[in-house]
Structures are given as structure tokens and as C-alpha cells.
């Protein structure tokens, strides 16, 4: 099953709170080696975001993210895991699970509404 793994910052986090947090390069190497990480990348800061809406056939643009929140998306990965348990195990090893937060969202299976 495929999962979108959203990697989010935590502005309340103080570096050094968690001893033994994994290194992101080591996480990437391990997950690529296991074949569960299909792709991923960092994203530009929320201040560089553009939100697009269409209302009454008019394209409306807003600078910045859709929602004003403390936590901001810092990157993403697409995972191919056997099940949610494996996706949780993979996410729990990511440094931002220790310093921010990870959100896992399953993809809709092909042909399913």
C-alpha cells in the first residue's frame, strides 16, 4: 500500500530535546535500501507557497499556505509498505518524528472511489 508521508516542523521543539534522534541521510539510505521509499524531497518554506482556488470561474491566488498553523510541511516522501504498521515503523525512524511530526496518508487504491 502506498502512503504519502508529510514531514512537518514543530516550532515549539527545542533542538537537543531528544537524544539519539536519527540522521536524515541514514534514514534515506536505509529506506531506499529496503525499497519502501519511492521518492521524497524537501519543500520550500510556507512563505514561498501559493494557494490556488477557483470561485465563480475566477482564479484566486493567495501568497502563503492554505491554513495558518504552527506546524509547516517541510518535505514529503512516498512510501510503499505492506501495511500501516510498516508505514508507522518507517515514519518513526525519520528524524522529524523526533523533532517535528510525521503525517501518514494512504493513497486511494486504483479503481476505488
PDB file of N, CA and C in Angstrom:
ATOM      1  N   UNK A   1       0.840  -1.168   0.000  1.00  0.00           N
ATOM      2  CA  UNK A   1       0.000   0.000   0.000  1.00  0.00           C
ATOM      3  C   UNK A   1       0.890   1.237   0.000  1.00  0.00           C
ATOM      4  N   UNK A   2       0.488   2.238  -0.758  1.00  0.00           N
ATOM      5  CA  UNK A   2       1.261   3.477  -0.826  1.00  0.00           C
ATOM      6  C   UNK A   2       0.747   4.488   0.185  1.00  0.00           C
ATOM      7  N   UNK A   3       1.715   5.219   0.749  1.00  0.00           N
ATOM      8  CA  UNK A   3       1.422   6.267   1.721  1.00  0.00           C
ATOM      9  C   UNK A   3       2.165   7.535   1.349  1.00  0.00           C
ATOM     10  N   UNK A   4       1.495   8.664   1.520  1.00  0.00           N
ATOM     11  CA  UNK A   4       2.150   9.952   1.464  1.00  0.00           C
ATOM     12  C   UNK A   4       2.582  10.257   2.885  1.00  0.00           C
ATOM     13  N   UNK A   5       3.867  10.484   3.072  1.00  0.00           N
ATOM     14  CA  UNK A   5       4.402  10.809   4.381  1.00  0.00           C
ATOM     15  C   UNK A   5       4.745  12.295   4.372  1.00  0.00           C
ATOM     16  N   UNK A   6       3.938  13.090   5.076  1.00  0.00           N
ATOM     17  CA  UNK A   6       4.195  14.522   5.182  1.00  0.00           C
ATOM     18  C   UNK A   6       5.121  14.759   6.359  1.00  0.00           C
ATOM     19  N   UNK A   7       6.218  15.425   6.098  1.00  0.00           N
ATOM     20  CA  UNK A   7       7.232  15.707   7.106  1.00  0.00           C
ATOM     21  C   UNK A   7       7.007  17.151   7.556  1.00  0.00           C
ATOM     22  N   UNK A   8       6.678  17.344   8.837  1.00  0.00           N
ATOM     23  CA  UNK A   8       6.284  18.660   9.332  1.00  0.00           C
ATOM     24  C   UNK A   8       7.185  19.130  10.464  1.00  0.00           C
ATOM     25  N   UNK A   9       7.384  20.437  10.504  1.00  0.00           N
ATOM     26  CA  UNK A   9       8.181  21.046  11.561  1.00  0.00           C
ATOM     27  C   UNK A   9       7.322  21.256  12.802  1.00  0.00           C
ATOM     28  N   UNK A  10       7.974  21.466  13.924  1.00  0.00           N
ATOM     29  CA  UNK A  10       7.314  21.798  15.181  1.00  0.00           C
ATOM     30  C   UNK A  10       8.023  23.030  15.733  1.00  0.00           C
ATOM     31  N   UNK A  11       7.406  24.221  15.638  1.00  0.00           N
ATOM     32  CA  UNK A  11       8.086  25.435  16.086  1.00  0.00           C
ATOM     33  C   UNK A  11       8.335  25.462  17.593  1.00  0.00           C
ATOM     34  N   UNK A  12       7.646  24.615  18.350  1.00  0.00           N
ATOM     35  CA  UNK A  12       7.842  24.562  19.802  1.00  0.00           C
ATOM     36  C   UNK A  12       8.989  23.644  20.203  1.00  0.00           C
ATOM     37  N   UNK A  13       9.563  22.930  19.230  1.00  0.00           N
ATOM     38  CA  UNK A  13      10.640  21.991  19.515  1.00  0.00           C
ATOM     39  C   UNK A  13      11.947  22.749  19.747  1.00  0.00           C
ATOM     40  N   UNK A  14      12.658  22.345  20.763  1.00  0.00           N
ATOM     41  CA  UNK A  14      13.983  22.895  21.038  1.00  0.00           C
ATOM     42  C   UNK A  14      15.014  21.839  20.674  1.00  0.00           C
ATOM     43  N   UNK A  15      15.929  22.117  19.729  1.00  0.00           N
ATOM     44  CA  UNK A  15      16.938  21.118  19.372  1.00  0.00           C
ATOM     45  C   UNK A  15      17.664  20.608  20.602  1.00  0.00           C
ATOM     46  N   UNK A  16      17.912  19.311  20.590  1.00  0.00           N
ATOM     47  CA  UNK A  16      18.605  18.684  21.704  1.00  0.00           C
ATOM     48  C   UNK A  16      17.668  18.065  22.725  1.00  0.00           C
ATOM     49  N   UNK A  17      16.340  18.232  22.519  1.00  0.00           N
ATOM     50  CA  UNK A  17      15.377  17.643  23.457  1.00  0.00           C
ATOM     51  C   UNK A  17      15.395  16.119  23.400  1.00  0.00           C
ATOM     52  N   UNK A  18      15.634  15.588  22.240  1.00  0.00           N
ATOM     53  CA  UNK A  18      15.596  14.138  22.041  1.00  0.00           C
ATOM     54  C   UNK A  18      16.997  13.617  21.776  1.00  0.00           C
ATOM     55  N   UNK A  19      17.526  12.857  22.704  1.00  0.00           N
ATOM     56  CA  UNK A  19      18.826  12.227  22.495  1.00  0.00           C
ATOM     57  C   UNK A  19      18.685  11.064  21.537  1.00  0.00           C
ATOM     58  N   UNK A  20      19.634  10.910  20.648  1.00  0.00           N
ATOM     59  CA  UNK A  20      19.656   9.761  19.752  1.00  0.00           C
ATOM     60  C   UNK A  20      18.773   9.878  18.540  1.00  0.00           C
ATOM     61  N   UNK A  21      18.313  11.082  18.204  1.00  0.00           N
ATOM     62  CA  UNK A  21      17.498  11.242  17.004  1.00  0.00           C
ATOM     63  C   UNK A  21      18.304  10.790  15.791  1.00  0.00           C
ATOM     64  N   UNK A  22      17.672  10.058  14.876  1.00  0.00           N
ATOM     65  CA  UNK A  22      18.397   9.555  13.707  1.00  0.00           C
ATOM     66  C   UNK A  22      18.806  10.670  12.755  1.00  0.00           C
ATOM     67  N   UNK A  23      19.760  10.374  11.900  1.00  0.00           N
ATOM     68  CA  UNK A  23      20.250  11.281  10.875  1.00  0.00           C
ATOM     69  C   UNK A  23      19.416  11.066   9.604  1.00  0.00           C
ATOM     70  N   UNK A  24      18.997  12.156   8.963  1.00  0.00           N
ATOM     71  CA  UNK A  24      18.119  12.026   7.803  1.00  0.00           C
ATOM     72  C   UNK A  24      18.797  11.284   6.647  1.00  0.00           C
ATOM     73  N   UNK A  25      20.097  11.511   6.428  1.00  0.00           N
ATOM     74  CA  UNK A  25      20.782  10.803   5.342  1.00  0.00           C
ATOM     75  C   UNK A  25      20.813   9.294   5.605  1.00  0.00           C
ATOM     76  N   UNK A  26      20.999   8.910   6.854  1.00  0.00           N
ATOM     77  CA  UNK A  26      20.976   7.488   7.209  1.00  0.00           C
ATOM     78  C   UNK A  26      19.584   6.904   7.008  1.00  0.00           C
ATOM     79  N   UNK A  27      18.545   7.686   7.355  1.00  0.00           N
ATOM     80  CA  UNK A  27      17.163   7.224   7.167  1.00  0.00           C
ATOM     81  C   UNK A  27      16.892   6.999   5.682  1.00  0.00           C
ATOM     82  N   UNK A  28      17.271   7.966   4.847  1.00  0.00           N
ATOM     83  CA  UNK A  28      17.060   7.840   3.401  1.00  0.00           C
ATOM     84  C   UNK A  28      17.780   6.605   2.870  1.00  0.00           C
ATOM     85  N   UNK A  29      19.028   6.424   3.244  1.00  0.00           N
ATOM     86  CA  UNK A  29      19.810   5.275   2.772  1.00  0.00           C
ATOM     87  C   UNK A  29      19.152   3.959   3.182  1.00  0.00           C
ATOM     88  N   UNK A  30      18.699   3.865   4.446  1.00  0.00           N
ATOM     89  CA  UNK A  30      18.057   2.627   4.907  1.00  0.00           C
ATOM     90  C   UNK A  30      16.748   2.364   4.165  1.00  0.00           C
ATOM     91  N   UNK A  31      15.903   3.389   4.032  1.00  0.00           N
ATOM     92  CA  UNK A  31      14.588   3.184   3.405  1.00  0.00           C
ATOM     93  C   UNK A  31      14.709   2.958   1.904  1.00  0.00           C
ATOM     94  N   UNK A  32      15.659   3.623   1.256  1.00  0.00           N
ATOM     95  CA  UNK A  32      15.908   3.343  -0.162  1.00  0.00           C
ATOM     96  C   UNK A  32      16.407   1.910  -0.319  1.00  0.00           C
ATOM     97  N   UNK A  33      17.287   1.484   0.583  1.00  0.00           N
ATOM     98  CA  UNK A  33      17.816   0.120   0.537  1.00  0.00           C
ATOM     99  C   UNK A  33      16.741  -0.934   0.741  1.00  0.00           C
ATOM    100  N   UNK A  34      15.775  -0.631   1.596  1.00  0.00           N
ATOM    101  CA  UNK A  34      14.659  -1.550   1.843  1.00  0.00           C
ATOM    102  C   UNK A  34      13.636  -1.520   0.719  1.00  0.00           C
ATOM    103  N   UNK A  35      13.702  -0.477  -0.118  1.00  0.00           N
ATOM    104  CA  UNK A  35      12.756  -0.350  -1.229  1.00  0.00           C
ATOM    105  C   UNK A  35      11.400   0.200  -0.826  1.00  0.00           C
ATOM    106  N   UNK A  36      11.277   0.773   0.371  1.00  0.00           N
ATOM    107  CA  UNK A  36       9.982   1.309   0.805  1.00  0.00           C
ATOM    108  C   UNK A  36       9.820   2.784   0.468  1.00  0.00           C
ATOM    109  N   UNK A  37      10.905   3.483   0.264  1.00  0.00           N
ATOM    110  CA  UNK A  37      10.845   4.914  -0.084  1.00  0.00           C
ATOM    111  C   UNK A  37      10.922   5.029  -1.593  1.00  0.00           C
ATOM    112  N   UNK A  38       9.821   5.431  -2.225  1.00  0.00           N
ATOM    113  CA  UNK A  38       9.775   5.532  -3.678  1.00  0.00           C
ATOM    114  C   UNK A  38      10.334   6.865  -4.164  1.00  0.00           C
ATOM    115  N   UNK A  39      10.082   7.923  -3.406  1.00  0.00           N
ATOM    116  CA  UNK A  39      10.635   9.236  -3.715  1.00  0.00           C
ATOM    117  C   UNK A  39      10.382  10.160  -2.541  1.00  0.00           C
ATOM    118  N   UNK A  40      11.067  11.280  -2.527  1.00  0.00           N
ATOM    119  CA  UNK A  40      10.858  12.270  -1.479  1.00  0.00           C
ATOM    120  C   UNK A  40      11.748  13.467  -1.707  1.00  0.00           C
ATOM    121  N   UNK A  41      11.395  14.566  -1.029  1.00  0.00           N
ATOM    122  CA  UNK A  41      12.192  15.766  -1.157  1.00  0.00           C
ATOM    123  C   UNK A  41      11.763  16.756  -0.096  1.00  0.00           C
ATOM    124  N   UNK A  42      12.635  17.734   0.140  1.00  0.00           N
ATOM    125  CA  UNK A  42      12.266  18.852   0.998  1.00  0.00           C
ATOM    126  C   UNK A  42      11.390  19.797   0.189  1.00  0.00           C
ATOM    127  N   UNK A  43      10.638  20.640   0.872  1.00  0.00           N
ATOM    128  CA  UNK A  43       9.872  21.678   0.190  1.00  0.00           C
ATOM    129  C   UNK A  43      10.365  23.041   0.658  1.00  0.00           C
ATOM    130  N   UNK A  44      10.115  24.040  -0.150  1.00  0.00           N
ATOM    131  CA  UNK A  44      10.454  25.412   0.226  1.00  0.00           C
ATOM    132  C   UNK A  44       9.577  25.803   1.413  1.00  0.00           C
ATOM    133  N   UNK A  45       9.939  26.856   2.150  1.00  0.00           N
ATOM    134  CA  UNK A  45       9.144  27.261   3.313  1.00  0.00           C
ATOM    135  C   UNK A  45       7.725  27.688   2.935  1.00  0.00           C
ATOM    136  N   UNK A  46       6.841  27.657   3.906  1.00  0.00           N
ATOM    137  CA  UNK A  46       5.442  28.029   3.689  1.00  0.00           C
ATOM    138  C   UNK A  46       5.316  29.440   3.127  1.00  0.00           C
ATOM    139  N   UNK A  47       6.257  30.298   3.444  1.00  0.00           N
ATOM    140  CA  UNK A  47       6.211  31.670   2.930  1.00  0.00           C
ATOM    141  C   UNK A  47       6.347  31.709   1.405  1.00  0.00           C
ATOM    142  N   UNK A  48       6.865  30.643   0.791  1.00  0.00           N
ATOM    143  CA  UNK A  48       7.002  30.569  -0.660  1.00  0.00           C
ATOM    144  C   UNK A  48       5.804  29.893  -1.332  1.00  0.00           C
ATOM    145  N   UNK A  49       4.827  29.465  -0.542  1.00  0.00           N
ATOM    146  CA  UNK A  49       3.667  28.747  -1.087  1.00  0.00           C
ATOM    147  C   UNK A  49       2.723  29.709  -1.801  1.00  0.00           C
ATOM    148  N   UNK A  50       1.975  29.161  -2.747  1.00  0.00           N
ATOM    149  CA  UNK A  50       0.881  29.867  -3.405  1.00  0.00           C
ATOM    150  C   UNK A  50      -0.337  28.963  -3.326  1.00  0.00           C
ATOM    151  N   UNK A  51      -1.444  29.500  -2.824  1.00  0.00           N
ATOM    152  CA  UNK A  51      -2.689  28.744  -2.736  1.00  0.00           C
ATOM    153  C   UNK A  51      -3.574  29.162  -3.899  1.00  0.00           C
ATOM    154  N   UNK A  52      -4.127  28.168  -4.620  1.00  0.00           N
ATOM    155  CA  UNK A  52      -4.951  28.415  -5.801  1.00  0.00           C
ATOM    156  C   UNK A  52      -6.379  27.940  -5.522  1.00  0.00           C
ATOM    157  N   UNK A  53      -7.335  28.821  -5.786  1.00  0.00           N
ATOM    158  CA  UNK A  53      -8.761  28.481  -5.676  1.00  0.00           C
ATOM    159  C   UNK A  53      -9.463  29.021  -6.919  1.00  0.00           C
ATOM    160  N   UNK A  54     -10.547  28.371  -7.317  1.00  0.00           N
ATOM    161  CA  UNK A  54     -11.400  28.914  -8.370  1.00  0.00           C
ATOM    162  C   UNK A  54     -12.787  29.088  -7.763  1.00  0.00           C
ATOM    163  N   UNK A  55     -13.291  30.314  -7.810  1.00  0.00           N
ATOM    164  CA  UNK A  55     -14.621  30.644  -7.305  1.00  0.00           C
ATOM    165  C   UNK A  55     -15.324  31.466  -8.376  1.00  0.00           C
ATOM    166  N   UNK A  56     -16.533  31.033  -8.725  1.00  0.00           N
ATOM    167  CA  UNK A  56     -17.303  31.717  -9.773  1.00  0.00           C
ATOM    168  C   UNK A  56     -16.470  31.885 -11.038  1.00  0.00           C
ATOM    169  N   UNK A  57     -15.723  30.824 -11.374  1.00  0.00           N
ATOM    170  CA  UNK A  57     -14.882  30.783 -12.576  1.00  0.00           C
ATOM    171  C   UNK A  57     -13.711  31.764 -12.544  1.00  0.00           C
ATOM    172  N   UNK A  58     -13.437  32.326 -11.407  1.00  0.00           N
ATOM    173  CA  UNK A  58     -12.315  33.246 -11.262  1.00  0.00           C
ATOM    174  C   UNK A  58     -11.213  32.557 -10.455  1.00  0.00           C
ATOM    175  N   UNK A  59      -9.986  32.636 -10.968  1.00  0.00           N
ATOM    176  CA  UNK A  59      -8.841  32.059 -10.276  1.00  0.00           C
ATOM    177  C   UNK A  59      -8.397  33.042  -9.197  1.00  0.00           C
ATOM    178  N   UNK A  60      -8.378  32.558  -7.953  1.00  0.00           N
ATOM    179  CA  UNK A  60      -7.977  33.376  -6.816  1.00  0.00           C
ATOM    180  C   UNK A  60      -6.679  32.827  -6.265  1.00  0.00           C
ATOM    181  N   UNK A  61      -5.690  33.683  -6.116  1.00  0.00           N
ATOM    182  CA  UNK A  61      -4.380  33.282  -5.606  1.00  0.00           C
ATOM    183  C   UNK A  61      -4.131  33.939  -4.265  1.00  0.00           C
ATOM    184  N   UNK A  62      -3.528  33.184  -3.370  1.00  0.00           N
ATOM    185  CA  UNK A  62      -3.134  33.703  -2.067  1.00  0.00           C
ATOM    186  C   UNK A  62      -1.680  33.337  -1.850  1.00  0.00           C
ATOM    187  N   UNK A  63      -0.877  34.310  -1.467  1.00  0.00           N
ATOM    188  CA  UNK A  63       0.503  34.016  -1.101  1.00  0.00           C
ATOM    189  C   UNK A  63       0.498  33.313   0.236  1.00  0.00           C
ATOM    190  N   UNK A  64       1.262  32.248   0.320  1.00  0.00           N
ATOM    191  CA  UNK A  64       1.369  31.508   1.571  1.00  0.00           C
ATOM    192  C   UNK A  64       0.503  30.262   1.580  1.00  0.00           C
ATOM    193  N   UNK A  65       0.551  29.527   2.676  1.00  0.00           N
ATOM    194  CA  UNK A  65      -0.156  28.242   2.765  1.00  0.00           C
ATOM    195  C   UNK A  65      -1.660  28.433   2.921  1.00  0.00           C
ATOM    196  N   UNK A  66      -2.391  27.359   2.665  1.00  0.00           N
ATOM    197  CA  UNK A  66      -3.847  27.346   2.781  1.00  0.00           C
ATOM    198  C   UNK A  66      -4.290  27.690   4.192  1.00  0.00           C
ATOM    199  N   UNK A  67      -3.649  27.073   5.174  1.00  0.00           N
ATOM    200  CA  UNK A  67      -4.044  27.272   6.568  1.00  0.00           C
ATOM    201  C   UNK A  67      -2.890  27.878   7.351  1.00  0.00           C
ATOM    202  N   UNK A  68      -3.211  28.780   8.237  1.00  0.00           N
ATOM    203  CA  UNK A  68      -2.209  29.340   9.135  1.00  0.00           C
ATOM    204  C   UNK A  68      -2.084  28.404  10.326  1.00  0.00           C
ATOM    205  N   UNK A  69      -1.004  27.684  10.393  1.00  0.00           N
ATOM    206  CA  UNK A  69      -0.771  26.765  11.501  1.00  0.00           C
ATOM    207  C   UNK A  69       0.657  26.926  11.981  1.00  0.00           C
ATOM    208  N   UNK A  70       0.906  26.446  13.180  1.00  0.00           N
ATOM    209  CA  UNK A  70       2.273  26.476  13.710  1.00  0.00           C
ATOM    210  C   UNK A  70       3.139  25.476  12.960  1.00  0.00           C
ATOM    211  N   UNK A  71       2.620  24.270  12.773  1.00  0.00           N
ATOM    212  CA  UNK A  71       3.372  23.223  12.095  1.00  0.00           C
ATOM    213  C   UNK A  71       3.329  23.485  10.595  1.00  0.00           C
ATOM    214  N   UNK A  72       4.460  23.359   9.928  1.00  0.00           N
ATOM    215  CA  UNK A  72       4.525  23.589   8.492  1.00  0.00           C
ATOM    216  C   UNK A  72       5.129  22.369   7.810  1.00  0.00           C
ATOM    217  N   UNK A  73       4.650  22.071   6.609  1.00  0.00           N
ATOM    218  CA  UNK A  73       5.194  20.962   5.835  1.00  0.00           C
ATOM    219  C   UNK A  73       6.600  21.336   5.390  1.00  0.00           C
ATOM    220  N   UNK A  74       7.545  20.470   5.697  1.00  0.00           N
ATOM    221  CA  UNK A  74       8.945  20.716   5.346  1.00  0.00           C
ATOM    222  C   UNK A  74       9.408  19.796   4.225  1.00  0.00           C
ATOM    223  N   UNK A  75       8.662  18.741   3.955  1.00  0.00           N
ATOM    224  CA  UNK A  75       9.028  17.788   2.921  1.00  0.00           C
ATOM    225  C   UNK A  75       8.010  16.676   2.849  1.00  0.00           C
ATOM    226  N   UNK A  76       8.300  15.724   1.977  1.00  0.00           N
ATOM    227  CA  UNK A  76       7.389  14.590   1.796  1.00  0.00           C
ATOM    228  C   UNK A  76       8.184  13.393   1.323  1.00  0.00           C
ATOM    229  N   UNK A  77       7.600  12.243   1.520  1.00  0.00           N
ATOM    230  CA  UNK A  77       8.107  11.003   0.949  1.00  0.00           C
ATOM    231  C   UNK A  77       6.906  10.179   0.527  1.00  0.00           C
ATOM    232  N   UNK A  78       7.077   9.390  -0.512  1.00  0.00           N
ATOM    233  CA  UNK A  78       6.060   8.426  -0.917  1.00  0.00           C
ATOM    234  C   UNK A  78       6.613   7.056  -0.570  1.00  0.00           C
ATOM    235  N   UNK A  79       5.839   6.341   0.230  1.00  0.00           N
ATOM    236  CA  UNK A  79       6.265   5.037   0.727  1.00  0.00           C
ATOM    237  C   UNK A  79       5.434   3.929   0.108  1.00  0.00           C
ATOM    238  N   UNK A  80       6.037   2.790  -0.087  1.00  0.00           N
ATOM    239  CA  UNK A  80       5.337   1.564  -0.484  1.00  0.00           C
ATOM    240  C   UNK A  80       5.567   0.572   0.635  1.00  0.00           C
ATOM    241  N   UNK A  81       4.539   0.354   1.443  1.00  0.00           N
ATOM    242  CA  UNK A  81       4.662  -0.506   2.625  1.00  0.00           C
ATOM    243  C   UNK A  81       3.618  -1.611   2.574  1.00  0.00           C
ATOM    244  N   UNK A  82       3.883  -2.682   3.276  1.00  0.00           N
ATOM    245  CA  UNK A  82       2.950  -3.803   3.318  1.00  0.00           C
ATOM    246  C   UNK A  82       1.626  -3.392   3.952  1.00  0.00           C
ATOM    247  N   UNK A  83       1.705  -2.532   4.984  1.00  0.00           N
ATOM    248  CA  UNK A  83       0.510  -2.130   5.712  1.00  0.00           C
ATOM    249  C   UNK A  83       0.836  -0.908   6.567  1.00  0.00           C
ATOM    250  N   UNK A  84      -0.163  -0.428   7.301  1.00  0.00           N
ATOM    251  CA  UNK A  84       0.030   0.754   8.137  1.00  0.00           C
ATOM    252  C   UNK A  84       1.094   0.523   9.203  1.00  0.00           C
ATOM    253  N   UNK A  85       1.164  -0.683   9.739  1.00  0.00           N
ATOM    254  CA  UNK A  85       2.178  -0.965  10.757  1.00  0.00           C
ATOM    255  C   UNK A  85       3.588  -0.716  10.227  1.00  0.00           C
ATOM    256  N   UNK A  86       3.864  -1.160   9.002  1.00  0.00           N
ATOM    257  CA  UNK A  86       5.188  -0.930   8.425  1.00  0.00           C
ATOM    258  C   UNK A  86       5.396   0.556   8.157  1.00  0.00           C
ATOM    259  N   UNK A  87       4.363   1.260   7.678  1.00  0.00           N
ATOM    260  CA  UNK A  87       4.488   2.694   7.423  1.00  0.00           C
ATOM    261  C   UNK A  87       4.795   3.448   8.720  1.00  0.00           C
ATOM    262  N   UNK A  88       4.171   3.049   9.812  1.00  0.00           N
ATOM    263  CA  UNK A  88       4.431   3.669  11.113  1.00  0.00           C
ATOM    264  C   UNK A  88       5.867   3.399  11.548  1.00  0.00           C
ATOM    265  N   UNK A  89       6.324   2.178  11.354  1.00  0.00           N
ATOM    266  CA  UNK A  89       7.704   1.819  11.718  1.00  0.00           C
ATOM    267  C   UNK A  89       8.696   2.664  10.920  1.00  0.00           C
ATOM    268  N   UNK A  90       8.452   2.826   9.618  1.00  0.00           N
ATOM    269  CA  UNK A  90       9.321   3.631   8.758  1.00  0.00           C
ATOM    270  C   UNK A  90       9.293   5.093   9.211  1.00  0.00           C
ATOM    271  N   UNK A  91       8.108   5.636   9.435  1.00  0.00           N
ATOM    272  CA  UNK A  91       7.965   7.035   9.846  1.00  0.00           C
ATOM    273  C   UNK A  91       8.616   7.295  11.199  1.00  0.00           C
ATOM    274  N   UNK A  92       8.520   6.342  12.105  1.00  0.00           N
ATOM    275  CA  UNK A  92       9.066   6.543  13.453  1.00  0.00           C
ATOM    276  C   UNK A  92      10.589   6.641  13.457  1.00  0.00           C
ATOM    277  N   UNK A  93      11.222   6.175  12.390  1.00  0.00           N
ATOM    278  CA  UNK A  93      12.677   6.247  12.288  1.00  0.00           C
ATOM    279  C   UNK A  93      13.158   7.551  11.651  1.00  0.00           C
ATOM    280  N   UNK A  94      12.240   8.355  11.110  1.00  0.00           N
ATOM    281  CA  UNK A  94      12.612   9.614  10.469  1.00  0.00           C
ATOM    282  C   UNK A  94      12.937  10.646  11.547  1.00  0.00           C
ATOM    283  N   UNK A  95      13.998  11.454  11.356  1.00  0.00           N
ATOM    284  CA  UNK A  95      14.378  12.450  12.363  1.00  0.00           C
ATOM    285  C   UNK A  95      13.249  13.410  12.744  1.00  0.00           C
ATOM    286  N   UNK A  96      12.393  13.759  11.799  1.00  0.00           N
ATOM    287  CA  UNK A  96      11.333  14.716  12.126  1.00  0.00           C
ATOM    288  C   UNK A  96      10.240  14.104  12.988  1.00  0.00           C
ATOM    289  N   UNK A  97      10.175  12.788  13.083  1.00  0.00           N
ATOM    290  CA  UNK A  97       9.265  12.177  14.053  1.00  0.00           C
ATOM    291  C   UNK A  97       9.746  12.503  15.462  1.00  0.00           C
ATOM    292  N   UNK A  98      11.041  12.736  15.605  1.00  0.00           N
ATOM    293  CA  UNK A  98      11.658  13.053  16.885  1.00  0.00           C
ATOM    294  C   UNK A  98      11.643  14.558  17.155  1.00  0.00           C
ATOM    295  N   UNK A  99      11.707  15.363  16.082  1.00  0.00           N
ATOM    296  CA  UNK A  99      11.870  16.802  16.236  1.00  0.00           C
ATOM    297  C   UNK A  99      10.675  17.607  15.735  1.00  0.00           C
ATOM    298  N   UNK A 100       9.775  16.981  15.030  1.00  0.00           N
ATOM    299  CA  UNK A 100       8.603  17.646  14.468  1.00  0.00           C
ATOM    300  C   UNK A 100       7.440  16.689  14.536  1.00  0.00           C
ATOM    301  N   UNK A 101       6.886  16.364  13.396  1.00  0.00           N
ATOM    302  CA  UNK A 101       5.843  15.335  13.330  1.00  0.00           C
ATOM    303  C   UNK A 101       5.759  14.802  11.910  1.00  0.00           C
ATOM    304  N   UNK A 102       5.236  13.607  11.818  1.00  0.00           N
ATOM    305  CA  UNK A 102       5.036  12.939  10.534  1.00  0.00           C
ATOM    306  C   UNK A 102       3.553  12.621  10.413  1.00  0.00           C
ATOM    307  N   UNK A 103       2.983  12.931   9.260  1.00  0.00           N
ATOM    308  CA  UNK A 103       1.596  12.555   8.983  1.00  0.00           C
ATOM    309  C   UNK A 103       1.608  11.532   7.856  1.00  0.00           C
ATOM    310  N   UNK A 104       0.949  10.416   8.061  1.00  0.00           N
ATOM    311  CA  UNK A 104       0.835   9.370   7.040  1.00  0.00           C
ATOM    312  C   UNK A 104      -0.567   9.395   6.452  1.00  0.00           C
ATOM    313  N   UNK A 105      -0.648   9.429   5.132  1.00  0.00           N
ATOM    314  CA  UNK A 105      -1.938   9.380   4.453  1.00  0.00           C
ATOM    315  C   UNK A 105      -1.892   8.293   3.389  1.00  0.00           C
ATOM    316  N   UNK A 106      -2.761   7.292   3.505  1.00  0.00           N
ATOM    317  CA  UNK A 106      -2.787   6.245   2.480  1.00  0.00           C
ATOM    318  C   UNK A 106      -3.342   6.792   1.165  1.00  0.00           C
ATOM    319  N   UNK A 107      -2.807   6.279   0.065  1.00  0.00           N
ATOM    320  CA  UNK A 107      -3.351   6.593  -1.250  1.00  0.00           C
ATOM    321  C   UNK A 107      -4.636   5.790  -1.420  1.00  0.00           C
ATOM    322  N   UNK A 108      -5.552   6.315  -2.236  1.00  0.00           N
ATOM    323  CA  UNK A 108      -6.711   5.517  -2.605  1.00  0.00           C
ATOM    324  C   UNK A 108      -6.233   4.380  -3.492  1.00  0.00           C
ATOM    325  N   UNK A 109      -6.697   3.168  -3.268  1.00  0.00           N
ATOM    326  CA  UNK A 109      -6.335   2.077  -4.194  1.00  0.00           C
ATOM    327  C   UNK A 109      -6.868   2.392  -5.591  1.00  0.00           C
ATOM    328  N   UNK A 110      -6.138   1.988  -6.628  1.00  0.00           N
ATOM    329  CA  UNK A 110      -6.575   2.230  -8.006  1.00  0.00           C
ATOM    330  C   UNK A 110      -7.954   1.622  -8.236  1.00  0.00           C
ATOM    331  N   UNK A 111      -8.804   2.391  -8.914  1.00  0.00           N
ATOM    332  CA  UNK A 111     -10.137   1.911  -9.266  1.00  0.00           C
ATOM    333  C   UNK A 111     -11.139   1.980  -8.119  1.00  0.00           C
ATOM    334  N   UNK A 112     -10.769   2.570  -6.995  1.00  0.00           N
ATOM    335  CA  UNK A 112     -11.675   2.656  -5.855  1.00  0.00           C
ATOM    336  C   UNK A 112     -12.063   4.115  -5.642  1.00  0.00           C
ATOM    337  N   UNK A 113     -13.314   4.365  -5.314  1.00  0.00           N
ATOM    338  CA  UNK A 113     -13.775   5.735  -5.052  1.00  0.00           C
ATOM    339  C   UNK A 113     -13.721   6.048  -3.582  1.00  0.00           C
TER     340      UNK A 113
END
